[in-house]
């Protein structure tokens, strides 16, 4: 029987056991369905009818309490200060009491609770006198106070006690009926619980049986497979140790899967034994071929060493020459770069000096331009001074002429004063001749004479001043003429200076232009020297690169020599 068939049989047995357990469980659960339905019905009855009935009974009791509370409230306040709603509130709860009793009676009748129905009727009968007496009591307190209400208290206490007794009886009946329902529900639940526990125990027993069967079958299969695997490992160990003649431990006679494996291993051992024999024969032939190949390799190595060795030596010599040339070029480039650097420094210094001269020439040209401008301005001012001197000279000449005319007028005034003095003298003489009659005229003549004398003195003073003015005017005319000559001479000199300065400015501009050209030339020389320096640096860099390449070529040549030697050693080895 194959291993696969054994596994299928074990799994089938386990499956049958667990299937039987499941069927038994389902049958027992179906047997519990009627009990579960009864339990559910009892629970629904309690939830939808018994509990609502108990709630209604509590509401009825609360209605009675509220009626009594509001009647007591109106009795104590007597409806004063706005506290007159007690009768209305009591009436509202009385109406609610009637509705709650009607609903409870209907619910109790549907449950078949005749005792509860009768208790509800008793409570309803007791509520009428209770409510009526309470209203009368409250009205008596409102109308007459304690004197009217206190006498009615015994009557109200009696009906209130009867009301309480009926409510207690109602509560007892409802609690009794509810307890019966709850006991029935609890009994149903206990019955279902007991049945389910039995089903669980049976299911546990069947599961244990299935596990025992499964574990036993698994242990059996494990022992079978374990022995087969150990035999297989032993056969594989023989093959790995190149023992192809050992008997099969697994057993080729078996009819299961391991028998197939054992037969395959026997065939493998036979094939391997045949392969080993063929390998021995091939190895002998291979040794002969290897010897022939070694002889051929030695011949090829000699030929390779002859042909390649010369090339390697040539390359090494060329690399050495390249290194020497590269070093020489690098040294020359360094020297050229150094000389170019020195020339560049000198050119930079010359350029700096030329720039300094150019700056000085520009400043000199600017100064000469400023001097030229100042000289031109001096020439212009000198011309203006000449014009002013000529104007002043003309005015002084006019002043001299006016002084001469004033002198003529003064002379005329002097003549008039002399004649007036003479006339006054004549008048005085005539007044003396006239005697007393001419005294007044003599006084006038005396005054006229005095005035004539004063006029003569004044005119004499004026004449003296006019003479001084004329003398000063002549001196001023002479001085102004001299100043005019000097200014004209200065104007001629400044004109000559302006011409010389203009020529000097032109010469300075030419010098500045030449210096600027020299500066441009030195800058171009510096630029060319910089290019030479850069070219020398590039040459040095290229020479360094060539030197590095030559060095690398020499290193590669040495490495090639070593590799060729190693290759030849390998071939000859």
Foldseek 3Di string as FASTA:
>chain_A
DALVVLVVVLVVLLVVLLVVLVVLLVVLVVVCVVLVVVLVVLVCCLVPQLVVLLVLLVLLVVLLVLLLVLLVQLLVVLCPPPSPCSVVSSVVSVVVNVVSLVVSLVSCVVVVLVQLNVLSVQLVVLVVQLNVLSVVLSNLCNVPNCVRNVVSVVVNVVSVVSNVVSSVSNNVSSVVVSVVSVVVSVVSVVVSVVSVVVSVVSSVVSNVVSVVSSVVSVVVSCVVVVQLVVQVVVLVVCVVVLNLPDDRSNDCPDPYPSVVVSVVSNVVSVVVVVVVVVVVVVVVVVVVVVVVQLVVLLVVLVVCCVVVVVVLVVLLVVLVVLLVVLVVLLVVLVVLLVVLVVVLVVLVVVLVVLVVVLVVLVVVLVVLVVVLVVLVVLLVVLVVVLVVLVVVLVVLVVVLVVLVVVLVVLVVQLVVLVVQLVVLVVLLVVLVVVPPVSPVSNVVSVVSNVVSVVSNVVSVVSNVVSVVSNVVSVVSSVVSVVVSVVSVVVSVVSVVVSVVSVVVSVVSVVVSVVSVVVSVVSVVVSVVSVVSSVVSVVSSVVSVVSSVVSVVSSVVSVVVVVVSVVVSVVSND
